[in-house]
Protein backbone atom coordinates (compact mmCIF):
# COMPACT_ATOMS: atom_id res chain seq x y z
CA MET A 1 127.86 81.27 93.35
CA SER A 2 130.77 82.19 95.64
CA ARG A 3 128.47 82.25 98.63
CA ARG A 4 127.20 78.75 97.91
CA ARG A 5 130.68 77.24 97.39
CA PRO A 6 131.45 76.48 101.10
CA LEU A 7 128.12 74.70 101.41
CA HIS A 8 128.83 72.61 98.34
CA LEU A 9 132.30 71.72 99.62
CA LEU A 10 130.94 70.60 102.96
CA LEU A 11 128.28 68.48 101.32
CA LEU A 12 130.99 66.90 99.16
CA ALA A 13 133.00 66.14 102.26
CA LEU A 14 129.96 64.59 103.88
CA CYS A 15 129.46 62.30 100.91
CA SER A 16 133.14 61.36 100.94
CA LEU A 17 133.02 60.38 104.59
CA ALA A 18 129.90 58.35 103.99
CA LEU A 19 131.68 56.42 101.23
CA LEU A 20 134.98 55.85 103.07
CA GLY A 21 136.19 52.36 102.80
CA ALA A 22 134.03 51.58 99.78
CA GLY A 23 136.10 49.56 97.27
CA PRO A 24 135.21 47.98 93.95
CA GLU A 25 132.18 45.75 94.02
CA PRO A 26 133.19 42.05 94.10
CA SER A 27 132.28 39.64 91.33
CA PRO A 28 129.06 37.68 91.85
CA ASP A 29 131.02 34.37 91.44
CA ALA A 30 133.71 35.27 93.94
CA PRO A 31 133.29 33.92 97.47
CA ARG A 32 131.83 36.50 99.78
CA PRO A 33 134.10 37.27 102.72
CA LEU A 34 132.69 37.14 106.17
CA PRO A 35 131.75 40.64 107.42
CA LEU A 36 134.14 41.96 110.02
CA PRO A 37 132.52 43.42 113.09
CA LEU A 38 132.96 47.18 113.39
CA LEU A 39 134.60 48.33 116.48
CA PRO A 40 132.51 50.62 118.68
CA ALA A 41 135.17 53.26 118.61
CA THR A 42 135.15 53.35 114.78
CA VAL A 43 131.37 53.69 114.66
CA THR A 44 131.40 56.46 117.22
CA ALA A 45 134.12 58.38 115.42
CA THR A 46 132.37 58.13 112.07
CA THR A 47 129.04 59.21 113.54
CA GLU A 48 130.59 62.17 115.31
CA ALA A 49 132.41 63.23 112.14
CA LEU A 50 129.22 63.06 110.10
CA ARG A 51 127.36 65.01 112.78
CA ASP A 52 130.05 67.69 112.83
CA VAL A 53 129.98 68.02 109.05
CA ALA A 54 126.17 68.27 109.02
CA THR A 55 126.22 70.88 111.79
CA ALA A 56 128.81 72.92 109.93
CA ALA A 57 126.81 72.62 106.71
CA ARG A 58 123.67 73.84 108.44
CA ALA A 59 125.56 76.77 110.00
CA VAL A 60 126.97 77.78 106.62
CA ASP A 61 123.52 77.45 105.06
CA ARG A 62 121.96 79.67 107.74
CA ARG A 63 124.73 82.25 107.30
CA VAL A 64 124.28 82.28 103.53
CA ARG A 65 120.51 82.62 103.86
CA ARG A 66 120.80 85.47 106.39
CA THR A 67 123.24 87.30 104.16
CA GLU A 68 120.96 87.04 101.14
CA LEU A 69 117.90 88.02 103.20
CA ARG A 70 119.71 91.19 104.29
CA ARG A 71 120.53 91.90 100.66
CA LEU A 72 116.88 91.42 99.64
CA ARG A 73 115.50 93.55 102.48
CA GLY A 74 115.42 96.71 100.40
CA SER A 75 114.21 95.03 97.20
CA ALA A 76 110.53 95.65 96.40
CA THR A 77 109.96 93.27 93.50
CA VAL A 78 107.95 90.12 93.01
CA ASP A 79 111.18 88.17 92.42
CA ALA A 80 112.53 89.31 95.78
CA VAL A 81 109.37 88.19 97.59
CA ILE A 82 109.52 84.76 95.94
CA ARG A 83 113.20 84.47 96.87
CA ARG A 84 112.51 85.50 100.48
CA ALA A 85 109.82 82.81 100.72
CA TRP A 86 112.41 80.25 99.69
CA LEU A 87 115.14 81.56 101.99
CA THR A 88 112.79 81.61 105.00
CA ARG A 89 111.66 78.05 104.18
CA ARG A 90 108.06 79.15 103.58
CA THR A 91 108.13 77.07 100.41
CA ASP A 92 110.02 74.00 99.30
CA ARG A 93 112.25 73.61 96.27
CA ALA A 94 109.45 72.43 93.99
CA GLY A 95 107.19 75.27 95.09
CA TYR A 96 109.98 77.80 94.59
CA ALA A 97 110.60 76.57 91.05
CA ALA A 98 106.86 76.62 90.28
CA GLN A 99 106.49 80.19 91.53
CA ARG A 100 109.40 81.41 89.44
CA ARG A 101 107.97 79.62 86.40
CA VAL A 102 104.56 81.32 86.88
CA LEU A 103 106.20 84.75 87.02
CA ALA A 104 108.42 84.03 84.00
CA ASP A 105 105.46 82.81 81.94
CA ALA A 106 103.44 85.89 82.86
CA ARG A 107 106.25 88.20 81.79
CA ALA A 108 106.81 86.32 78.55
CA ALA A 109 103.11 86.54 77.70
CA ALA A 110 103.09 90.26 78.52
CA ARG A 111 105.97 90.79 76.09
CA TRP A 112 104.68 88.95 73.05
CA LEU A 113 100.91 89.42 73.38
CA GLY A 114 99.56 92.43 71.51
CA GLY A 115 96.31 94.37 71.33
CA PRO A 116 93.72 94.29 74.11
CA ARG A 117 94.82 90.84 75.29
CA GLY A 118 98.38 92.03 75.79
CA ALA A 119 97.16 95.17 77.56
CA GLU A 120 95.11 93.13 80.04
CA GLN A 121 98.01 90.70 80.64
CA ARG A 122 100.35 93.61 81.37
CA ALA A 123 97.72 95.15 83.63
CA ALA A 124 97.48 91.92 85.64
CA LEU A 125 101.27 91.80 85.93
CA ARG A 126 101.28 95.45 86.99
CA VAL A 127 98.88 94.66 89.84
CA ALA A 128 101.38 92.21 91.31
CA GLN A 129 104.28 94.61 90.75
CA ASP A 130 102.40 97.46 92.47
CA LEU A 131 101.70 95.27 95.49
CA ALA A 132 105.41 94.49 95.74
CA ALA A 133 106.39 98.14 95.25
CA ASP A 134 104.02 99.20 98.03
CA GLY A 135 105.60 96.69 100.38
CA VAL A 136 102.39 94.73 100.98
CA LEU A 137 103.21 91.63 98.92
CA THR A 138 104.32 89.30 101.68
CA THR A 139 105.16 85.61 101.40
CA ASP A 140 101.76 84.48 102.70
CA ARG A 141 100.04 86.56 100.02
CA LEU A 142 102.08 84.99 97.22
CA PRO A 143 99.76 81.99 96.58
CA ALA A 144 96.74 84.17 95.79
CA VAL A 145 98.71 86.72 93.73
CA LEU A 146 100.58 84.10 91.70
CA LEU A 147 97.38 82.10 91.17
CA THR A 148 95.83 85.23 89.70
CA LEU A 149 98.84 85.71 87.43
CA ARG A 150 98.69 82.09 86.24
CA ARG A 151 94.98 82.33 85.47
CA ASN A 152 95.57 85.55 83.52
CA THR A 153 98.37 83.98 81.52
CA ASP A 154 96.28 80.90 80.73
CA TRP A 155 93.29 83.02 79.69
CA TRP A 156 94.87 85.80 77.62
CA THR A 157 97.17 83.48 75.70
CA ARG A 158 94.18 81.47 74.51
CA ARG A 159 91.09 83.71 74.52
CA GLY A 160 89.81 87.24 74.17
CA ALA A 161 88.13 89.49 76.68
CA PRO A 162 85.05 88.04 78.42
CA ALA A 163 82.01 90.08 79.36
CA VAL A 164 82.69 92.77 81.95
CA GLY A 165 82.01 91.42 85.43
CA ARG A 166 81.72 87.82 84.24
CA SER A 167 82.69 85.18 86.79
CA LEU A 168 85.10 82.54 85.52
CA VAL A 169 85.65 79.14 87.15
CA ARG A 170 87.73 76.16 86.11
CA GLY A 171 86.10 72.77 86.47
CA GLY A 172 85.30 71.90 90.06
CA ASP A 173 87.74 74.45 91.46
CA PRO A 174 85.80 76.89 93.68
CA VAL A 175 88.29 79.70 92.99
CA THR A 176 86.39 82.29 90.98
CA MET A 177 87.95 84.96 88.79
CA ARG A 178 86.18 88.04 87.54
CA TYR A 179 87.09 90.24 84.60
CA VAL A 180 87.71 93.90 85.47
CA PRO A 181 88.82 96.06 82.50
CA GLY A 182 92.20 97.58 83.20
CA ARG A 183 92.96 94.94 85.85
CA GLY A 184 92.63 91.73 83.88
CA LEU A 185 91.20 88.75 85.73
CA VAL A 186 91.08 89.30 89.48
CA LEU A 187 90.54 86.88 92.33
CA HIS A 188 86.97 87.31 93.54
CA GLN A 189 86.95 86.06 97.11
CA LEU A 190 83.26 86.84 97.62
CA ALA A 191 82.10 84.76 94.65
CA SER A 192 84.50 81.96 95.59
CA TRP A 193 83.23 81.68 99.16
CA GLY A 194 79.68 82.15 97.91
CA ARG A 195 79.99 78.93 95.93
CA VAL A 196 81.24 77.07 99.00
CA ALA A 197 78.51 78.61 101.17
CA ALA A 198 75.88 77.40 98.71
CA LEU A 199 77.38 73.90 98.70
CA SER A 200 77.59 73.77 102.50
CA GLY A 201 74.01 75.05 102.72
CA HIS A 202 72.88 72.19 100.51
CA CYS A 203 74.75 69.75 102.75
CA LEU A 204 73.16 71.28 105.84
CA ARG A 205 69.67 70.79 104.41
CA ASP A 206 70.26 67.33 102.90
CA ARG A 207 73.11 65.56 104.66
CA ALA A 208 72.29 62.23 103.05
CA HIS A 209 73.23 63.53 99.60
CA CYS A 210 76.08 65.81 100.65
CA PRO A 211 79.30 65.57 98.56
CA ARG A 212 81.54 65.66 101.63
CA ARG A 213 84.84 65.15 99.82
CA ARG A 214 84.05 67.91 97.38
CA LEU A 215 83.07 70.23 100.24
CA ARG A 216 86.27 69.41 102.15
CA ALA A 217 88.44 70.00 99.09
CA ALA A 218 86.70 73.29 98.28
CA VAL A 219 87.13 74.66 101.79
CA ASP A 220 90.80 73.66 101.95
CA ARG A 221 91.38 75.21 98.54
CA LEU A 222 90.07 78.62 99.62
CA LEU A 223 91.69 78.49 103.06
CA ALA A 224 95.06 78.27 101.29
CA LEU A 225 94.37 81.70 99.79
CA GLY A 226 93.69 83.36 103.15
CA VAL A 227 96.22 85.15 105.34
CA ARG A 228 96.54 85.65 109.08
CA ARG A 229 97.26 89.02 110.62
CA ASP A 230 97.30 89.44 114.40
CA GLY A 231 95.16 86.37 114.90
CA VAL A 232 92.61 87.42 112.25
CA LEU A 233 91.94 85.10 109.32
CA ARG A 234 91.53 87.47 106.40
CA PHE A 235 90.33 86.79 102.87
CA GLU A 236 91.81 89.71 101.00
CA SER A 237 91.32 91.25 97.57
CA TYR A 238 94.45 92.39 95.78
CA PHE A 239 93.14 94.88 93.23
CA ARG A 240 92.02 98.48 93.44
CA TRP A 241 88.29 98.98 93.28
CA GLY A 242 86.87 102.49 93.30
CA GLY A 243 88.63 104.25 96.14
CA ALA A 244 89.62 101.02 97.89
CA ARG A 245 93.38 100.50 97.98
CA ALA A 246 94.80 96.98 97.77
CA PRO A 247 94.87 94.82 99.75
CA TRP A 248 91.47 95.18 101.38
CA ILE A 249 88.95 92.95 103.09
CA SER A 250 85.17 93.08 103.00
CA ALA A 251 82.63 92.37 105.70
CA MET A 252 80.52 90.72 103.03
CA THR A 253 83.32 88.32 102.11
CA GLN A 254 84.28 87.66 105.73
CA GLY A 255 80.64 86.99 106.64
CA THR A 256 80.17 84.62 103.70
CA ALA A 257 83.36 82.75 104.61
CA ILE A 258 82.25 82.53 108.26
CA GLN A 259 78.92 81.09 107.15
CA ALA A 260 80.60 78.52 104.87
CA LEU A 261 83.12 77.47 107.53
CA THR A 262 80.44 77.23 110.22
CA ARG A 263 78.20 75.07 108.05
CA THR A 264 81.16 72.91 107.02
CA GLY A 265 82.17 72.43 110.65
CA THR A 266 78.61 71.42 111.49
CA VAL A 267 78.15 69.02 108.57
CA LEU A 268 81.60 67.41 108.73
CA ARG A 269 81.85 67.73 112.52
CA SER A 270 85.13 69.52 112.03
CA ARG A 271 86.24 71.62 114.98
CA PRO A 272 89.17 73.16 113.02
CA ASP A 273 86.71 74.72 110.58
CA THR A 274 84.71 76.20 113.46
CA ARG A 275 87.93 77.59 114.94
CA ARG A 276 88.77 79.12 111.57
CA ALA A 277 85.32 80.73 111.49
CA ARG A 278 86.03 82.25 114.90
CA ALA A 279 89.40 83.49 113.63
CA ALA A 280 87.68 85.18 110.68
CA LEU A 281 85.14 86.64 113.13
CA ARG A 282 87.85 88.73 114.83
CA ALA A 283 87.82 91.11 111.86
CA PHE A 284 84.38 92.30 112.99
CA ASP A 285 85.75 93.39 116.36
CA ARG A 286 88.45 95.63 114.88
CA ARG A 287 88.16 99.05 113.35
CA ALA A 288 88.75 99.57 109.67
CA PRO A 289 91.17 99.48 107.91
CA PHE A 290 92.59 96.69 110.13
CA GLY A 291 89.13 95.17 110.48
CA VAL A 292 85.68 95.78 109.02
CA SER A 293 83.93 97.55 111.89
CA THR A 294 83.14 101.26 112.10
CA ARG A 295 80.96 103.29 114.42
CA ALA A 296 77.42 104.01 113.28
CA PRO A 297 74.20 105.34 114.83
CA GLY A 298 72.84 102.64 117.09
CA GLY A 299 75.83 100.31 116.97
CA SER A 300 78.49 99.22 114.47
CA HIS A 301 78.44 99.15 110.70
CA PHE A 302 80.44 96.44 108.93
CA VAL A 303 82.02 98.00 105.86
CA MET A 304 82.21 96.62 102.36
CA TYR A 305 85.75 97.96 101.79
CA SER A 306 88.09 98.13 104.76
CA THR A 307 90.10 100.97 103.20
CA GLU A 308 86.91 103.04 102.69
CA PRO A 309 85.25 103.05 106.13
CA SER A 310 83.07 106.08 105.34
CA LEU A 311 81.20 104.20 102.58
CA ARG A 312 78.29 102.35 104.21
CA ILE A 313 76.63 99.85 101.89
CA LEU A 314 73.49 98.18 103.19
CA ASN A 315 73.65 94.87 101.29
CA GLY A 316 77.16 94.07 102.53
CA HIS A 317 76.20 94.86 106.12
CA LEU A 318 73.11 92.63 105.99
CA ARG A 319 75.07 89.76 104.43
CA ALA A 320 77.66 89.99 107.18
CA LEU A 321 74.90 89.86 109.81
CA THR A 322 73.63 86.62 108.27
CA GLY A 323 77.05 85.00 108.65
CA LEU A 324 77.37 86.18 112.26
CA ARG A 325 73.89 84.90 113.03
CA ASP A 326 74.73 81.44 111.67
CA LEU A 327 77.96 81.24 113.70
CA ALA A 328 76.11 82.33 116.85
CA SER A 329 73.35 79.74 116.37
CA LEU A 330 75.16 76.75 114.85
CA ALA A 331 78.37 77.01 116.86
CA GLU A 332 76.86 78.69 119.93
CA SER A 333 79.40 81.52 119.77
CA GLY A 334 78.78 84.23 122.35
CA GLU A 335 81.26 86.55 120.65
CA ALA A 336 79.43 86.20 117.33
CA LEU A 337 76.12 86.92 119.09
CA ARG A 338 77.56 90.05 120.70
CA LEU A 339 78.88 91.38 117.40
CA TYR A 340 75.64 90.45 115.65
CA ARG A 341 73.56 92.44 118.13
CA ARG A 342 75.84 95.43 117.74
CA GLY A 343 75.53 95.33 113.96
CA GLU A 344 71.79 94.60 114.03
CA ARG A 345 71.09 97.77 116.03
CA ALA A 346 72.86 99.79 113.35
CA ALA A 347 70.99 97.89 110.62
CA ARG A 348 67.65 99.12 111.97
CA VAL A 349 68.70 102.74 111.51
CA GLU A 350 70.25 102.12 108.09
CA LEU A 351 67.19 100.25 106.88
CA ARG A 352 64.95 103.23 107.66
CA GLU A 353 67.32 105.58 105.84
CA ALA A 354 67.71 103.26 102.86
CA ASP A 355 63.94 102.93 102.28
CA THR A 356 62.76 105.81 100.07
CA GLY A 357 59.14 104.68 100.09
CA ALA A 358 59.41 103.46 96.50
CA TRP A 359 62.88 101.89 96.23
CA SER A 360 66.08 101.24 98.20
CA ARG A 361 69.35 103.14 98.37
CA TYR A 362 72.64 101.47 97.59
CA SER A 363 74.57 103.26 100.32
CA ASP A 364 73.96 105.61 103.21
CA ARG A 365 72.64 108.91 101.79
CA GLY A 366 73.77 107.77 98.37
CA ARG A 367 72.20 106.96 95.07
CA GLU A 368 69.42 104.46 94.55
CA ALA A 369 70.32 100.83 94.05
CA SER A 370 70.16 99.13 90.69
CA LEU A 371 67.63 96.37 90.17
CA GLY A 372 70.23 93.70 90.92
CA TYR A 373 71.35 95.30 94.18
CA HIS A 374 67.74 95.99 95.20
CA ARG A 375 66.91 92.31 94.78
CA LEU A 376 70.12 91.38 96.60
CA VAL A 377 69.09 93.48 99.61
CA THR A 378 65.60 91.97 99.46
CA GLY A 379 67.09 88.47 99.57
CA PHE A 380 69.31 89.33 102.55
CA LEU A 381 66.31 90.78 104.39
CA ALA A 382 64.45 87.55 103.74
CA ASP A 383 67.44 85.57 105.08
CA LEU A 384 67.34 87.55 108.32
CA CYS A 385 63.59 87.06 108.46
CA GLU A 386 64.06 83.28 108.24
CA ARG A 387 66.54 83.48 111.14
CA ASP A 388 64.00 85.22 113.39
CA ALA A 389 66.01 88.43 113.43
CA GLY A 390 62.85 90.52 113.83
CA ARG A 391 59.54 91.29 112.17
CA ARG A 392 60.93 94.52 110.76
CA TYR A 393 63.08 92.52 108.33
CA CYS A 394 60.12 90.41 107.20
CA SER A 395 57.99 93.49 106.53
CA ALA A 396 60.91 95.25 104.81
CA ALA A 397 61.43 92.24 102.52
CA ARG A 398 57.73 92.24 101.56
CA ARG A 399 57.78 96.00 101.05
CA PHE A 400 60.89 95.90 98.86
CA ARG A 401 59.33 93.17 96.72
CA ARG A 402 56.23 95.30 96.33
CA TYR A 403 58.34 98.21 95.09
CA GLU A 404 59.34 96.12 92.07
CA ARG A 405 55.69 95.78 91.04
CA GLU A 406 54.50 99.33 91.72
CA PRO A 407 54.52 101.98 88.96
CA THR A 408 56.59 105.08 89.38
CA ARG A 409 54.66 108.03 90.76
CA VAL A 410 55.00 110.99 88.38
CA THR A 411 54.16 114.68 88.92
CA VAL A 412 54.48 117.30 86.16
CA ARG A 413 54.83 121.04 86.85
CA VAL A 414 55.09 123.88 84.33
CA PRO A 415 55.43 127.67 84.79
CA SER A 416 52.09 129.45 85.18
CA ARG A 417 52.63 132.09 82.45
CA PRO A 418 55.41 131.02 80.09
CA ARG A 419 56.11 133.10 77.04
CA ALA A 420 56.98 132.00 73.54
CA ARG A 421 60.65 132.01 72.60
CA ASP A 422 61.65 132.32 76.26
CA ALA A 423 63.71 129.48 77.72
CA THR A 424 61.58 127.68 80.25
CA GLY A 425 61.40 124.17 81.64
CA VAL A 426 59.16 121.26 82.49
CA ALA A 427 59.58 120.09 86.09
CA VAL A 428 59.12 116.32 86.52
CA TRP A 429 59.15 114.61 89.92
CA ILE A 430 59.48 110.82 90.06
CA SER A 431 59.30 108.52 93.08
CA LYS A 432 62.18 106.17 92.10
CA VAL A 433 64.91 105.75 89.53
CA SER A 434 63.22 105.31 86.16
CA ALA A 435 63.52 105.63 82.42
CA VAL A 436 61.61 108.88 81.76
CA SER A 437 60.01 110.04 78.52
CA VAL A 438 58.76 113.65 78.27
CA THR A 439 56.64 114.77 75.28
CA VAL A 440 55.16 118.21 74.52
CA ARG A 441 52.45 118.62 71.86
CA ASP A 442 50.83 121.77 70.51
CA ALA A 443 47.10 122.38 69.97
CA ARG A 444 47.19 120.53 66.65
CA GLY A 445 48.81 117.43 68.20
CA ARG A 446 52.22 117.99 66.67
CA VAL A 447 55.22 116.93 68.80
CA VAL A 448 57.38 119.95 69.59
CA LEU A 449 59.59 118.31 72.25
CA ALA A 450 60.61 114.70 73.00
CA ARG A 451 63.18 113.70 75.59
CA ARG A 452 64.17 110.22 76.85
CA THR A 453 66.59 109.71 79.73
CA THR A 454 67.14 107.77 82.95
CA LEU A 455 66.71 109.84 86.09
CA PRO A 456 66.99 109.13 89.83
CA ARG A 457 64.31 109.83 92.39
CA GLY A 458 63.45 113.51 92.86
CA ARG A 459 62.63 116.62 90.88
CA HIS A 460 64.21 117.25 87.51
CA ARG A 461 63.96 120.07 84.96
CA ILE A 462 63.62 119.41 81.24
CA ALA A 463 64.58 122.48 79.20
CA TRP A 464 61.99 123.70 76.70
CA THR A 465 61.63 126.84 74.60
CA PRO A 466 58.12 127.26 73.06
CA ALA A 467 58.29 128.45 69.48
CA ARG A 468 54.95 130.31 69.48
CA ARG A 469 52.04 131.09 71.69
CA GLY A 470 49.14 128.75 72.14
CA ARG A 471 47.98 125.82 74.25
CA TYR A 472 50.35 122.89 74.81
CA THR A 473 50.03 119.49 76.52
CA VAL A 474 52.98 118.12 78.50
CA ARG A 475 53.04 114.36 79.19
CA ALA A 476 55.64 112.35 81.17
CA ALA A 477 55.92 108.55 81.33
CA ALA A 478 58.30 106.77 83.73
CA THR A 479 59.22 103.07 83.81
CA GLY A 480 60.94 101.81 86.96
CA PRO A 481 63.54 99.00 87.19
CA GLY A 482 62.27 95.63 86.08
CA SER A 483 58.94 95.54 84.30
CA PRO A 484 56.41 97.38 86.48
CA PRO A 485 53.43 99.31 85.06
CA VAL A 486 54.29 102.66 83.52
CA GLY A 487 53.71 105.74 85.68
CA ARG A 488 52.22 108.75 83.89
CA GLY A 489 51.66 112.43 84.48
CA ALA A 490 50.28 115.27 82.31
CA ARG A 491 49.73 119.01 82.40
CA THR A 492 48.21 121.59 80.01
CA VAL A 493 49.87 124.99 79.70
CA ARG A 494 48.94 128.19 77.85
CA VAL A 495 51.94 129.93 76.32
CA LEU A 496 51.69 133.70 76.00
CA ARG A 497 53.10 135.86 73.27
CA SER A 498 56.82 136.33 73.23
CA ARG A 499 58.39 139.49 74.47
CA ALA A 500 59.55 140.29 70.95
CA GLU A 501 55.99 140.02 69.69
CA ILE A 502 54.79 142.29 72.46
CA ALA A 503 57.56 144.76 71.67
CA ARG A 504 56.63 144.73 67.99
CA ALA A 505 52.96 145.21 68.85
CA VAL A 506 53.84 148.11 71.11
CA GLU A 507 56.02 149.56 68.40
CA ARG A 508 53.19 149.18 65.88
CA ARG A 509 50.77 150.92 68.22
CA ARG A 510 53.26 153.70 68.77
CA ALA A 511 53.83 154.05 65.05
CA VAL A 512 50.08 154.26 64.48
CA ALA A 513 49.80 156.82 67.25
CA ARG A 514 52.62 158.83 65.72
CA ARG A 515 51.01 158.70 62.30
CA ARG A 516 47.69 159.72 63.76
CA ALA A 517 49.26 162.57 65.68
CA LEU A 518 51.05 163.70 62.55
CA ALA A 519 47.83 163.51 60.60
CA ARG A 520 46.09 165.49 63.32
CA ARG A 521 48.81 168.12 63.25
CA ARG A 522 48.65 168.32 59.52
CA ALA A 523 44.88 168.59 59.62
CA ALA A 524 45.18 171.33 62.23
CA VAL A 525 47.69 173.16 60.06
CA ARG A 526 45.41 172.85 57.08
CA ARG A 527 42.47 174.08 59.12
CA ALA A 528 44.53 177.00 60.39
CA GLN A 529 45.65 177.82 56.88
CA GLU A 530 42.11 177.57 55.64
CA GLN A 531 40.90 179.76 58.48
CA ARG A 532 43.58 182.35 57.69
CA ARG A 533 42.67 182.26 54.04
CA ALA A 534 39.02 182.61 54.90
CA ALA A 535 39.81 185.51 57.22
CA ASP A 536 41.92 187.13 54.54
CA ASP A 537 39.17 186.65 52.07
CA ARG A 538 36.64 188.18 54.43
CA ARG A 539 38.91 191.08 55.15
CA ALA A 540 39.54 191.66 51.46
CA GLU A 541 35.79 191.53 50.85
CA ARG A 542 35.13 194.10 53.53
CA GLN A 543 37.81 196.34 52.13
CA ARG A 544 36.37 195.97 48.65
CA ARG A 545 32.92 196.84 49.86
CA ALA A 546 34.24 199.80 51.83
CA ALA A 547 36.02 201.10 48.72
CA LEU A 548 32.84 200.77 46.69
CA ARG A 549 30.88 202.71 49.26
CA ALA A 550 33.52 205.38 49.37
CA GLY A 551 33.45 205.74 45.53
CA ARG A 552 29.76 206.50 45.47
């Protein structure tokens, strides 16, 4: 308060000078005196005094503001950023009070809310605090961050958690929030500009029934949430997503915003909107993380997350190309056409790599896309086909649609000579990501193995240990994304005896051989004994006969 006291004193002096000479108000019945003409010298002196006081007041105000700005320079809090916006005249008194009220309400709700709702409210508040602590929460980013905080406070103080990934809008406001567990409600720039792009597309097709005021208000609403950096109009996201650090921009969002602004400028004949589209276009001519461009085979890839330039996602790149194509054609932008051609050359290479022959990949050399992302890519390919981007995009769109109707190709392989009680496996190859069911039945039709799982394209091994020897039938059924026909594969395998059974059989044969050898030895001994006895008997008989002959 001591710093503000000189300013208050000067303002008081200014008011006193303005009221000099003011006496008590005369009675209505009293005769009104004739006004005395002011002398020019008096008027000049009073004006100069007032001007001097105002100049001094402004000087004191600037000095106080500079002093407090120096004090706040090392403060990395949301309060400090709000205060800096007020001291640098980026916001007026009413806006400053409203921003402080939003932050106070968010903190109060974080304190008294409990359970999952309180956890999500504190997570949303933590997002803003982390941005301030990292030094990236600047005054021009405050509107979007505080809007997110206000929406979180309004939601969590009244309702529970919505479905994960659900988009939330309020009335006719195009600003779209999305629920991300552990982040609360986050500002979804892509969905917000997507709504405006759809509205502007309707106006472009049917200008007679275009809600122009609604379109103008929606565009202005979202432009207020953008920021400018080095001449680039950026529509940033302020939450961490995967490996993307906040704040980040997306080629998909920038392209959608460019498309919406270009259509709006065409429908409303608004040159400022076209200039804003060109300002947003500059992000495509700068390398990530400052822009959305990165080098790729054939040309440039436009990244989905500016802070993750190595992640190349096909659907975001194709959507960005659509926005550039519209700006080049509707606004006759040579710069947009140059950037479009650079990205389109890279898209040809990425499209070949993303096509597996049965499905599409989500990212370069990455996993296969889900059904939703596959259909999204198919729609973007169709958009490029409608814009005469090339026959390859038309054929790719037809091919990707056909993949949704085709059954999964399935191949089953089993070892040639498996043995019972030995761990073995059933090799199953599938042509695209599918829900796979593997069943093994014995000769009597009894199920000895049943496995159900979701597997990506490629070869997979299902562990199986046969209990006994015999003939088995292995069947695999695979159902791809959506509702295509079921792909099937089967194989018959003959399981040999287990090694333990063979060992026991060998041991039995050896035992029999030993017993037989022992019996043979015993028989030989008996024969030898019998032969010796017979020889002894014969010898005794000869001796007896010899003695008889000698006695005669």
